[in-house]
Amino acid sequence: MSTAKKALYAAVGAGDLALEQAKTLPKRVTALPTQIRSSATELPSKATSLPADARKRVTTVAKSATTRVDKATSKSRKRATKTFTDLAKRGEKLVKRVSRSAPTKRALEQTKAARSRVKAAATSVRKAAKANSKAVASAAETVVEQAG
């Protein structure tokens, strides 16, 4: 699959995913106050252990910062590639499903029929215009002959 086609499918897949996520939004918003309350009750115990934990964390992070950054970058790159591929597959499935659907097929048939009628109308108009110009020329000759 070409990169451009894959990017287009990924965009379609992203839109489909966004729509799916938007449908779950009301449920997630109504659950939010409960989640906040449970997190707020844990705060005092977390706050008391902060000074000791912070020193340990700073030491650990300082020692392994380069390794962690490399791993995080690698993981992020792999995750982005996988997400892009997944979105492209999702978009491709959606495009195929839509293109195979009955309404799409009906629309294509109606478009073909309309195109044919427009082409026929254009031909009729062209022939009528040609006939009119010949009639005008003939009438002009008749007027000149009678006048002259």
C-alpha atoms as a PDB file:
ATOM      1  CA  MET A   1       0.000   0.000   0.000  1.00  0.00           C
ATOM      2  CA  SER A   2       1.363   3.409  -0.903  1.00  0.00           C
ATOM      3  CA  THR A   3       2.264   5.869   1.837  1.00  0.00           C
ATOM      4  CA  ALA A   4      -0.286   8.402   0.602  1.00  0.00           C
ATOM      5  CA  LYS A   5      -3.068   5.819   0.577  1.00  0.00           C
ATOM      6  CA  LYS A   6      -2.041   4.592   4.019  1.00  0.00           C
ATOM      7  CA  ALA A   7      -2.066   8.183   5.327  1.00  0.00           C
ATOM      8  CA  LEU A   8      -5.554   8.720   3.897  1.00  0.00           C
ATOM      9  CA  TYR A   9      -6.813   5.518   5.499  1.00  0.00           C
ATOM     10  CA  ALA A  10      -5.162   6.534   8.782  1.00  0.00           C
ATOM     11  CA  ALA A  11      -6.995   9.877   8.675  1.00  0.00           C
ATOM     12  CA  VAL A  12     -10.306   8.092   8.080  1.00  0.00           C
ATOM     13  CA  GLY A  13      -9.489   5.653  10.882  1.00  0.00           C
ATOM     14  CA  ALA A  14      -8.631   8.515  13.239  1.00  0.00           C
ATOM     15  CA  GLY A  15     -11.963  10.160  12.499  1.00  0.00           C
ATOM     16  CA  ASP A  16     -13.788   6.904  13.129  1.00  0.00           C
ATOM     17  CA  LEU A  17     -11.902   6.405  16.408  1.00  0.00           C
ATOM     18  CA  ALA A  18     -12.663   9.989  17.484  1.00  0.00           C
ATOM     19  CA  LEU A  19     -16.352   9.425  16.819  1.00  0.00           C
ATOM     20  CA  GLU A  20     -16.275   6.194  18.807  1.00  0.00           C
ATOM     21  CA  GLN A  21     -14.523   7.933  21.731  1.00  0.00           C
ATOM     22  CA  ALA A  22     -16.976  10.839  21.618  1.00  0.00           C
ATOM     23  CA  LYS A  23     -19.837   8.390  22.092  1.00  0.00           C
ATOM     24  CA  THR A  24     -18.313   7.215  25.406  1.00  0.00           C
ATOM     25  CA  LEU A  25     -17.632  10.744  26.645  1.00  0.00           C
ATOM     26  CA  PRO A  26     -20.874  11.268  28.634  1.00  0.00           C
ATOM     27  CA  LYS A  27     -20.273   8.092  30.650  1.00  0.00           C
ATOM     28  CA  ARG A  28     -16.670   9.080  31.386  1.00  0.00           C
ATOM     29  CA  VAL A  29     -17.673  12.609  32.437  1.00  0.00           C
ATOM     30  CA  THR A  30     -20.303  11.362  34.857  1.00  0.00           C
ATOM     31  CA  ALA A  31     -17.751   8.972  36.436  1.00  0.00           C
ATOM     32  CA  LEU A  32     -15.187  11.760  36.872  1.00  0.00           C
ATOM     33  CA  PRO A  33     -16.430  13.161  40.246  1.00  0.00           C
ATOM     34  CA  THR A  34     -16.135   9.687  41.819  1.00  0.00           C
ATOM     35  CA  GLN A  35     -12.594   9.270  40.504  1.00  0.00           C
ATOM     36  CA  ILE A  36     -11.602  12.700  41.782  1.00  0.00           C
ATOM     37  CA  ARG A  37     -13.043  11.974  45.229  1.00  0.00           C
ATOM     38  CA  SER A  38     -11.147   8.686  45.532  1.00  0.00           C
ATOM     39  CA  SER A  39      -7.903  10.373  44.443  1.00  0.00           C
ATOM     40  CA  ALA A  40      -8.450  13.212  46.911  1.00  0.00           C
ATOM     41  CA  THR A  41      -8.803  10.814  49.849  1.00  0.00           C
ATOM     42  CA  GLU A  42      -5.400   9.269  49.032  1.00  0.00           C
ATOM     43  CA  LEU A  43      -3.601  12.632  48.924  1.00  0.00           C
ATOM     44  CA  PRO A  44      -2.805  13.049  52.660  1.00  0.00           C
ATOM     45  CA  SER A  45      -1.034   9.669  52.877  1.00  0.00           C
ATOM     46  CA  LYS A  46       0.891  10.374  49.693  1.00  0.00           C
ATOM     47  CA  ALA A  47       1.897  13.820  50.916  1.00  0.00           C
ATOM     48  CA  THR A  48       3.500  12.477  54.122  1.00  0.00           C
ATOM     49  CA  SER A  49       5.733  10.048  52.225  1.00  0.00           C
ATOM     50  CA  LEU A  50       6.838  12.633  49.662  1.00  0.00           C
ATOM     51  CA  PRO A  51      10.148  13.847  51.158  1.00  0.00           C
ATOM     52  CA  ALA A  52      11.675  10.377  51.562  1.00  0.00           C
ATOM     53  CA  ASP A  53      10.301   9.115  48.284  1.00  0.00           C
ATOM     54  CA  ALA A  54      11.435  12.206  46.422  1.00  0.00           C
ATOM     55  CA  ARG A  55      15.110  11.721  47.378  1.00  0.00           C
ATOM     56  CA  LYS A  56      15.045   8.090  46.313  1.00  0.00           C
ATOM     57  CA  ARG A  57      13.323   8.948  43.057  1.00  0.00           C
ATOM     58  CA  VAL A  58      15.747  11.762  42.208  1.00  0.00           C
ATOM     59  CA  THR A  59      18.727   9.481  42.772  1.00  0.00           C
ATOM     60  CA  THR A  60      17.241   6.676  40.718  1.00  0.00           C
ATOM     61  CA  VAL A  61      16.167   8.970  37.905  1.00  0.00           C
ATOM     62  CA  ALA A  62      19.538  10.700  37.753  1.00  0.00           C
ATOM     63  CA  LYS A  63      21.382   7.381  37.469  1.00  0.00           C
ATOM     64  CA  SER A  64      19.229   5.956  34.738  1.00  0.00           C
ATOM     65  CA  ALA A  65      18.049   9.052  32.860  1.00  0.00           C
ATOM     66  CA  THR A  66      19.810   8.290  29.585  1.00  0.00           C
ATOM     67  CA  THR A  67      18.620   4.692  29.515  1.00  0.00           C
ATOM     68  CA  ARG A  68      15.086   5.687  30.358  1.00  0.00           C
ATOM     69  CA  VAL A  69      15.018   8.419  27.697  1.00  0.00           C
ATOM     70  CA  ASP A  70      16.304   5.976  25.067  1.00  0.00           C
ATOM     71  CA  LYS A  71      13.733   3.373  26.049  1.00  0.00           C
ATOM     72  CA  ALA A  72      10.923   5.931  26.146  1.00  0.00           C
ATOM     73  CA  THR A  73      11.887   7.278  22.731  1.00  0.00           C
ATOM     74  CA  SER A  74      12.046   3.796  21.265  1.00  0.00           C
ATOM     75  CA  LYS A  75       8.727   2.829  22.827  1.00  0.00           C
ATOM     76  CA  SER A  76       7.098   6.050  21.637  1.00  0.00           C
ATOM     77  CA  ARG A  77       8.354   5.520  18.099  1.00  0.00           C
ATOM     78  CA  LYS A  78       7.099   1.910  18.073  1.00  0.00           C
ATOM     79  CA  ARG A  79       3.770   2.937  19.577  1.00  0.00           C
ATOM     80  CA  ALA A  80       3.329   5.752  17.033  1.00  0.00           C
ATOM     81  CA  THR A  81       4.110   3.379  14.160  1.00  0.00           C
ATOM     82  CA  LYS A  82       1.714   0.767  15.519  1.00  0.00           C
ATOM     83  CA  THR A  83      -1.001   3.367  16.089  1.00  0.00           C
ATOM     84  CA  PHE A  84      -0.566   4.720  12.574  1.00  0.00           C
ATOM     85  CA  THR A  85      -0.767   1.199  11.125  1.00  0.00           C
ATOM     86  CA  ASP A  86      -3.813   0.363  13.248  1.00  0.00           C
ATOM     87  CA  LEU A  87      -5.572   3.571  12.195  1.00  0.00           C
ATOM     88  CA  ALA A  88      -4.766   2.848   8.543  1.00  0.00           C
ATOM     89  CA  LYS A  89      -6.252  -0.656   8.851  1.00  0.00           C
ATOM     90  CA  ARG A  90      -9.305   0.725  10.612  1.00  0.00           C
ATOM     91  CA  GLY A  91      -9.775   3.392   7.940  1.00  0.00           C
ATOM     92  CA  GLU A  92      -9.323   0.876   5.127  1.00  0.00           C
ATOM     93  CA  LYS A  93     -11.979  -1.393   6.655  1.00  0.00           C
ATOM     94  CA  LEU A  94     -14.368   1.546   7.002  1.00  0.00           C
ATOM     95  CA  VAL A  95     -13.769   2.699   3.417  1.00  0.00           C
ATOM     96  CA  LYS A  96     -14.368  -0.833   2.103  1.00  0.00           C
ATOM     97  CA  ARG A  97     -17.513  -1.202   4.199  1.00  0.00           C
ATOM     98  CA  VAL A  98     -18.882   2.116   2.961  1.00  0.00           C
ATOM     99  CA  SER A  99     -17.961   1.454  -0.672  1.00  0.00           C
ATOM    100  CA  ARG A 100     -19.702  -1.940  -0.555  1.00  0.00           C
ATOM    101  CA  SER A 101     -22.843  -0.581   1.109  1.00  0.00           C
ATOM    102  CA  ALA A 102     -26.142  -0.485  -0.747  1.00  0.00           C
ATOM    103  CA  PRO A 103     -26.616   3.315  -0.438  1.00  0.00           C
ATOM    104  CA  THR A 104     -23.177   3.910  -1.970  1.00  0.00           C
ATOM    105  CA  LYS A 105     -23.931   1.566  -4.866  1.00  0.00           C
ATOM    106  CA  ARG A 106     -27.281   3.310  -5.448  1.00  0.00           C
ATOM    107  CA  ALA A 107     -25.581   6.705  -5.413  1.00  0.00           C
ATOM    108  CA  LEU A 108     -23.017   5.522  -7.984  1.00  0.00           C
ATOM    109  CA  GLU A 109     -25.767   4.191 -10.258  1.00  0.00           C
ATOM    110  CA  GLN A 110     -27.724   7.429  -9.939  1.00  0.00           C
ATOM    111  CA  THR A 111     -24.565   9.412 -10.726  1.00  0.00           C
ATOM    112  CA  LYS A 112     -23.951   7.346 -13.878  1.00  0.00           C
ATOM    113  CA  ALA A 113     -27.549   7.836 -14.995  1.00  0.00           C
ATOM    114  CA  ALA A 114     -27.405  11.583 -14.309  1.00  0.00           C
ATOM    115  CA  ARG A 115     -24.100  11.888 -16.193  1.00  0.00           C
ATOM    116  CA  SER A 116     -25.668  10.120 -19.173  1.00  0.00           C
ATOM    117  CA  ARG A 117     -28.713  12.430 -19.137  1.00  0.00           C
ATOM    118  CA  VAL A 118     -26.506  15.540 -18.905  1.00  0.00           C
ATOM    119  CA  LYS A 119     -24.418  14.335 -21.842  1.00  0.00           C
ATOM    120  CA  ALA A 120     -27.579  13.703 -23.887  1.00  0.00           C
ATOM    121  CA  ALA A 121     -28.952  17.133 -22.980  1.00  0.00           C
ATOM    122  CA  ALA A 122     -25.695  18.804 -24.015  1.00  0.00           C
ATOM    123  CA  THR A 123     -25.832  17.021 -27.379  1.00  0.00           C
ATOM    124  CA  SER A 124     -29.460  18.100 -27.882  1.00  0.00           C
ATOM    125  CA  VAL A 125     -28.636  21.709 -27.041  1.00  0.00           C
ATOM    126  CA  ARG A 126     -25.649  21.691 -29.407  1.00  0.00           C
ATOM    127  CA  LYS A 127     -27.784  20.283 -32.252  1.00  0.00           C
ATOM    128  CA  ALA A 128     -30.567  22.787 -31.552  1.00  0.00           C
ATOM    129  CA  ALA A 129     -28.110  25.687 -31.556  1.00  0.00           C
ATOM    130  CA  LYS A 130     -26.644  24.495 -34.860  1.00  0.00           C
ATOM    131  CA  ALA A 131     -30.155  24.179 -36.369  1.00  0.00           C
ATOM    132  CA  ASN A 132     -31.067  27.651 -35.087  1.00  0.00           C
ATOM    133  CA  SER A 133     -27.963  29.222 -36.606  1.00  0.00           C
ATOM    134  CA  LYS A 134     -28.768  27.563 -39.951  1.00  0.00           C
ATOM    135  CA  ALA A 135     -32.358  28.807 -39.735  1.00  0.00           C
ATOM    136  CA  VAL A 136     -31.185  32.332 -38.955  1.00  0.00           C
ATOM    137  CA  ALA A 137     -28.744  32.234 -41.877  1.00  0.00           C
ATOM    138  CA  SER A 138     -31.475  30.959 -44.192  1.00  0.00           C
ATOM    139  CA  ALA A 139     -33.894  33.645 -42.993  1.00  0.00           C
ATOM    140  CA  ALA A 140     -31.245  36.313 -43.536  1.00  0.00           C
ATOM    141  CA  GLU A 141     -30.674  35.098 -47.107  1.00  0.00           C
ATOM    142  CA  THR A 142     -34.408  35.185 -47.752  1.00  0.00           C
ATOM    143  CA  VAL A 143     -34.679  38.740 -46.431  1.00  0.00           C
ATOM    144  CA  VAL A 144     -31.722  39.861 -48.563  1.00  0.00           C
ATOM    145  CA  GLU A 145     -33.213  38.223 -51.686  1.00  0.00           C
ATOM    146  CA  GLN A 146     -36.606  39.844 -51.108  1.00  0.00           C
ATOM    147  CA  ALA A 147     -35.072  43.229 -50.393  1.00  0.00           C
ATOM    148  CA  GLY A 148     -32.840  43.187 -53.245  1.00  0.00           C
END
